[in-house]
């Protein structure tokens, strides 16, 4: 299992636009991708799950990738977070 932890810098947090873009990234992998923040966990491939976490600026989010392409998934997720949040 590979994990990526990130502190959200975007003023609006993880709102609809970046959540939708994130799902496009995570949906391309076979690995199971879980997102946790604020003591809650969600499927990292489903926009409603991501939005339900209510991630705001300054919140720490952790992605856990487990599966055949977990390494590549973690790298792509980290790149996305650095570029978009």
N, C-alpha and C. Protein backbone atom coordinates (compact mmCIF):
# COMPACT_ATOMS: atom_id res chain seq x y z
N UNK A 1 0.85 -1.18 0.00
CA UNK A 1 0.00 0.00 0.00
C UNK A 1 0.89 1.24 0.00
N UNK A 2 0.50 2.21 -0.80
CA UNK A 2 1.19 3.49 -0.87
C UNK A 2 0.25 4.57 -0.36
N UNK A 3 0.81 5.52 0.39
CA UNK A 3 0.00 6.62 0.92
C UNK A 3 0.57 7.95 0.47
N UNK A 4 -0.34 8.89 0.27
CA UNK A 4 0.02 10.27 -0.04
C UNK A 4 -0.72 11.15 0.94
N UNK A 5 0.01 12.01 1.65
CA UNK A 5 -0.61 12.95 2.59
C UNK A 5 -0.34 14.36 2.09
N UNK A 6 -1.36 15.21 2.19
CA UNK A 6 -1.26 16.56 1.65
C UNK A 6 -2.09 17.52 2.50
N UNK A 7 -1.59 18.73 2.70
CA UNK A 7 -2.35 19.78 3.38
C UNK A 7 -2.92 20.69 2.30
N UNK A 8 -4.24 20.84 2.27
CA UNK A 8 -4.92 21.61 1.23
C UNK A 8 -4.60 23.09 1.37
N UNK A 9 -4.17 23.69 0.25
CA UNK A 9 -3.80 25.10 0.23
C UNK A 9 -4.82 25.98 -0.48
N UNK A 10 -5.68 25.37 -1.28
CA UNK A 10 -6.69 26.12 -2.02
C UNK A 10 -7.65 26.82 -1.06
N UNK A 11 -7.93 28.08 -1.30
CA UNK A 11 -8.81 28.87 -0.44
C UNK A 11 -10.20 28.25 -0.28
N UNK A 12 -10.67 27.58 -1.33
CA UNK A 12 -12.02 27.00 -1.31
C UNK A 12 -12.02 25.54 -0.87
N UNK A 13 -10.86 24.99 -0.58
CA UNK A 13 -10.79 23.59 -0.16
C UNK A 13 -10.97 22.66 -1.34
N UNK A 14 -11.40 21.46 -1.05
CA UNK A 14 -11.62 20.44 -2.08
C UNK A 14 -13.07 20.52 -2.52
N UNK A 15 -13.37 21.51 -3.35
CA UNK A 15 -14.75 21.76 -3.80
C UNK A 15 -15.02 21.01 -5.11
N UNK A 16 -16.16 21.26 -5.72
CA UNK A 16 -16.65 20.46 -6.85
C UNK A 16 -15.68 20.37 -8.03
N UNK A 17 -15.11 21.49 -8.46
CA UNK A 17 -14.25 21.46 -9.64
C UNK A 17 -13.03 20.57 -9.43
N UNK A 18 -12.21 20.82 -8.39
CA UNK A 18 -11.06 19.94 -8.21
C UNK A 18 -11.44 18.50 -7.85
N UNK A 19 -12.57 18.32 -7.18
CA UNK A 19 -13.01 16.96 -6.86
C UNK A 19 -13.33 16.20 -8.14
N UNK A 20 -13.97 16.86 -9.09
CA UNK A 20 -14.28 16.24 -10.37
C UNK A 20 -13.03 15.89 -11.15
N UNK A 21 -12.06 16.80 -11.14
CA UNK A 21 -10.79 16.53 -11.82
C UNK A 21 -10.04 15.39 -11.13
N UNK A 22 -10.11 15.36 -9.81
CA UNK A 22 -9.45 14.30 -9.05
C UNK A 22 -10.02 12.93 -9.39
N UNK A 23 -11.33 12.85 -9.53
CA UNK A 23 -11.98 11.59 -9.88
C UNK A 23 -11.53 11.11 -11.26
N UNK A 24 -11.27 12.04 -12.17
CA UNK A 24 -10.75 11.65 -13.49
C UNK A 24 -9.37 11.02 -13.36
N UNK A 25 -8.57 11.52 -12.43
CA UNK A 25 -7.24 10.95 -12.20
C UNK A 25 -7.36 9.58 -11.53
N UNK A 26 -8.08 9.51 -10.42
CA UNK A 26 -8.15 8.27 -9.65
C UNK A 26 -8.90 7.17 -10.38
N UNK A 27 -9.88 7.55 -11.19
CA UNK A 27 -10.68 6.56 -11.91
C UNK A 27 -9.90 5.77 -12.95
N UNK A 28 -8.73 6.26 -13.31
CA UNK A 28 -7.93 5.58 -14.31
C UNK A 28 -7.06 4.45 -13.77
N UNK A 29 -7.18 4.16 -12.49
CA UNK A 29 -6.34 3.13 -11.87
C UNK A 29 -7.17 1.94 -11.41
N UNK A 30 -6.55 0.77 -11.44
CA UNK A 30 -7.21 -0.45 -10.98
C UNK A 30 -7.17 -0.56 -9.46
N UNK A 31 -6.20 0.08 -8.84
CA UNK A 31 -6.04 0.01 -7.38
C UNK A 31 -7.24 0.60 -6.66
N UNK A 32 -7.47 0.10 -5.45
CA UNK A 32 -8.46 0.69 -4.55
C UNK A 32 -7.84 1.97 -4.01
N UNK A 33 -8.57 3.07 -4.07
CA UNK A 33 -8.06 4.35 -3.58
C UNK A 33 -9.04 4.91 -2.57
N UNK A 34 -8.56 5.06 -1.34
CA UNK A 34 -9.37 5.59 -0.24
C UNK A 34 -8.82 6.95 0.15
N UNK A 35 -9.71 7.86 0.47
CA UNK A 35 -9.34 9.21 0.90
C UNK A 35 -9.85 9.40 2.31
N UNK A 36 -8.99 9.88 3.20
CA UNK A 36 -9.44 10.16 4.57
C UNK A 36 -9.07 11.59 4.95
N UNK A 37 -9.97 12.21 5.70
CA UNK A 37 -9.78 13.58 6.17
C UNK A 37 -10.79 13.83 7.29
N UNK A 38 -10.37 14.60 8.27
CA UNK A 38 -11.27 15.00 9.36
C UNK A 38 -11.94 13.81 10.05
N UNK A 39 -11.24 12.70 10.17
CA UNK A 39 -11.78 11.53 10.85
C UNK A 39 -12.78 10.73 10.04
N UNK A 40 -12.94 11.06 8.75
CA UNK A 40 -13.87 10.34 7.87
C UNK A 40 -13.09 9.75 6.71
N UNK A 41 -13.70 8.77 6.06
CA UNK A 41 -13.06 8.10 4.93
C UNK A 41 -14.06 7.97 3.79
N UNK A 42 -13.54 8.02 2.55
CA UNK A 42 -14.41 7.91 1.38
C UNK A 42 -13.66 7.20 0.25
N UNK A 43 -14.43 6.72 -0.71
CA UNK A 43 -13.88 6.13 -1.93
C UNK A 43 -13.28 7.27 -2.75
N UNK A 44 -12.00 7.20 -3.04
CA UNK A 44 -11.31 8.25 -3.78
C UNK A 44 -11.65 8.29 -5.25
N UNK A 45 -12.53 7.41 -5.71
CA UNK A 45 -12.94 7.39 -7.11
C UNK A 45 -14.36 7.91 -7.30
N UNK A 46 -14.99 8.37 -6.23
CA UNK A 46 -16.39 8.82 -6.30
C UNK A 46 -16.50 10.26 -5.81
N UNK A 47 -17.01 11.11 -6.68
CA UNK A 47 -17.06 12.54 -6.37
C UNK A 47 -17.92 12.83 -5.15
N UNK A 48 -19.05 12.16 -5.00
CA UNK A 48 -19.91 12.44 -3.85
C UNK A 48 -19.25 12.04 -2.54
N UNK A 49 -18.50 10.95 -2.57
CA UNK A 49 -17.77 10.55 -1.37
C UNK A 49 -16.72 11.58 -1.00
N UNK A 50 -15.99 12.05 -2.00
CA UNK A 50 -14.96 13.06 -1.76
C UNK A 50 -15.59 14.33 -1.22
N UNK A 51 -16.67 14.77 -1.83
CA UNK A 51 -17.35 16.01 -1.40
C UNK A 51 -17.91 15.87 0.01
N UNK A 52 -18.33 14.66 0.38
CA UNK A 52 -18.94 14.46 1.70
C UNK A 52 -17.95 14.66 2.85
N UNK A 53 -16.65 14.64 2.55
CA UNK A 53 -15.65 14.83 3.59
C UNK A 53 -15.54 16.29 4.03
N UNK A 54 -16.03 17.22 3.21
CA UNK A 54 -16.02 18.64 3.58
C UNK A 54 -14.62 19.19 3.81
N UNK A 55 -13.68 18.86 2.93
CA UNK A 55 -12.29 19.27 3.10
C UNK A 55 -12.14 20.77 2.83
N UNK A 56 -11.54 21.46 3.79
CA UNK A 56 -11.33 22.91 3.70
C UNK A 56 -9.84 23.23 3.66
N UNK A 57 -9.53 24.48 3.38
CA UNK A 57 -8.14 24.93 3.39
C UNK A 57 -7.51 24.61 4.74
N UNK A 58 -6.30 24.06 4.71
CA UNK A 58 -5.58 23.72 5.93
C UNK A 58 -5.82 22.31 6.42
N UNK A 59 -6.83 21.63 5.88
CA UNK A 59 -7.10 20.25 6.28
C UNK A 59 -6.05 19.31 5.69
N UNK A 60 -5.72 18.28 6.44
CA UNK A 60 -4.79 17.26 5.96
C UNK A 60 -5.60 16.11 5.39
N UNK A 61 -5.28 15.73 4.16
CA UNK A 61 -5.94 14.60 3.50
C UNK A 61 -4.91 13.50 3.25
N UNK A 62 -5.35 12.27 3.36
CA UNK A 62 -4.47 11.13 3.09
C UNK A 62 -5.15 10.21 2.09
N UNK A 63 -4.42 9.90 1.04
CA UNK A 63 -4.88 8.93 0.04
C UNK A 63 -4.13 7.63 0.28
N UNK A 64 -4.86 6.53 0.33
CA UNK A 64 -4.26 5.21 0.47
C UNK A 64 -4.57 4.43 -0.80
N UNK A 65 -3.52 4.03 -1.51
CA UNK A 65 -3.66 3.30 -2.77
C UNK A 65 -3.19 1.87 -2.55
N UNK A 66 -4.03 0.92 -2.94
CA UNK A 66 -3.68 -0.49 -2.74
C UNK A 66 -4.10 -1.29 -3.97
N UNK A 67 -3.12 -1.89 -4.63
CA UNK A 67 -3.42 -2.70 -5.80
C UNK A 67 -2.25 -2.77 -6.76
N UNK A 68 -2.53 -3.30 -7.94
CA UNK A 68 -1.48 -3.58 -8.91
C UNK A 68 -0.74 -2.34 -9.41
N UNK A 69 -1.42 -1.20 -9.46
CA UNK A 69 -0.79 0.03 -9.96
C UNK A 69 -0.71 1.11 -8.88
N UNK A 70 -0.58 0.68 -7.62
CA UNK A 70 -0.60 1.62 -6.49
C UNK A 70 0.53 2.65 -6.55
N UNK A 71 1.70 2.24 -6.99
CA UNK A 71 2.85 3.16 -7.07
C UNK A 71 2.55 4.30 -8.05
N UNK A 72 2.09 3.93 -9.23
CA UNK A 72 1.77 4.93 -10.26
C UNK A 72 0.61 5.81 -9.81
N UNK A 73 -0.38 5.22 -9.17
CA UNK A 73 -1.52 5.99 -8.68
C UNK A 73 -1.07 7.03 -7.66
N UNK A 74 -0.23 6.63 -6.72
CA UNK A 74 0.25 7.56 -5.69
C UNK A 74 1.02 8.72 -6.30
N UNK A 75 1.86 8.43 -7.29
CA UNK A 75 2.63 9.49 -7.95
C UNK A 75 1.71 10.47 -8.67
N UNK A 76 0.72 9.94 -9.39
CA UNK A 76 -0.21 10.80 -10.13
C UNK A 76 -1.07 11.64 -9.19
N UNK A 77 -1.53 11.05 -8.11
CA UNK A 77 -2.35 11.78 -7.13
C UNK A 77 -1.53 12.90 -6.50
N UNK A 78 -0.30 12.60 -6.11
CA UNK A 78 0.55 13.63 -5.50
C UNK A 78 0.80 14.78 -6.48
N UNK A 79 1.05 14.46 -7.72
CA UNK A 79 1.25 15.48 -8.75
C UNK A 79 0.00 16.34 -8.91
N UNK A 80 -1.17 15.69 -8.96
CA UNK A 80 -2.43 16.42 -9.08
C UNK A 80 -2.62 17.38 -7.91
N UNK A 81 -2.41 16.90 -6.71
CA UNK A 81 -2.61 17.72 -5.51
C UNK A 81 -1.69 18.93 -5.53
N UNK A 82 -0.43 18.73 -5.86
CA UNK A 82 0.52 19.84 -5.90
C UNK A 82 0.16 20.88 -6.95
N UNK A 83 -0.40 20.44 -8.07
CA UNK A 83 -0.74 21.35 -9.16
C UNK A 83 -2.10 22.03 -8.99
N UNK A 84 -3.02 21.42 -8.24
CA UNK A 84 -4.41 21.91 -8.22
C UNK A 84 -4.96 22.32 -6.87
N UNK A 85 -4.33 21.94 -5.78
CA UNK A 85 -4.88 22.27 -4.46
C UNK A 85 -3.83 22.93 -3.60
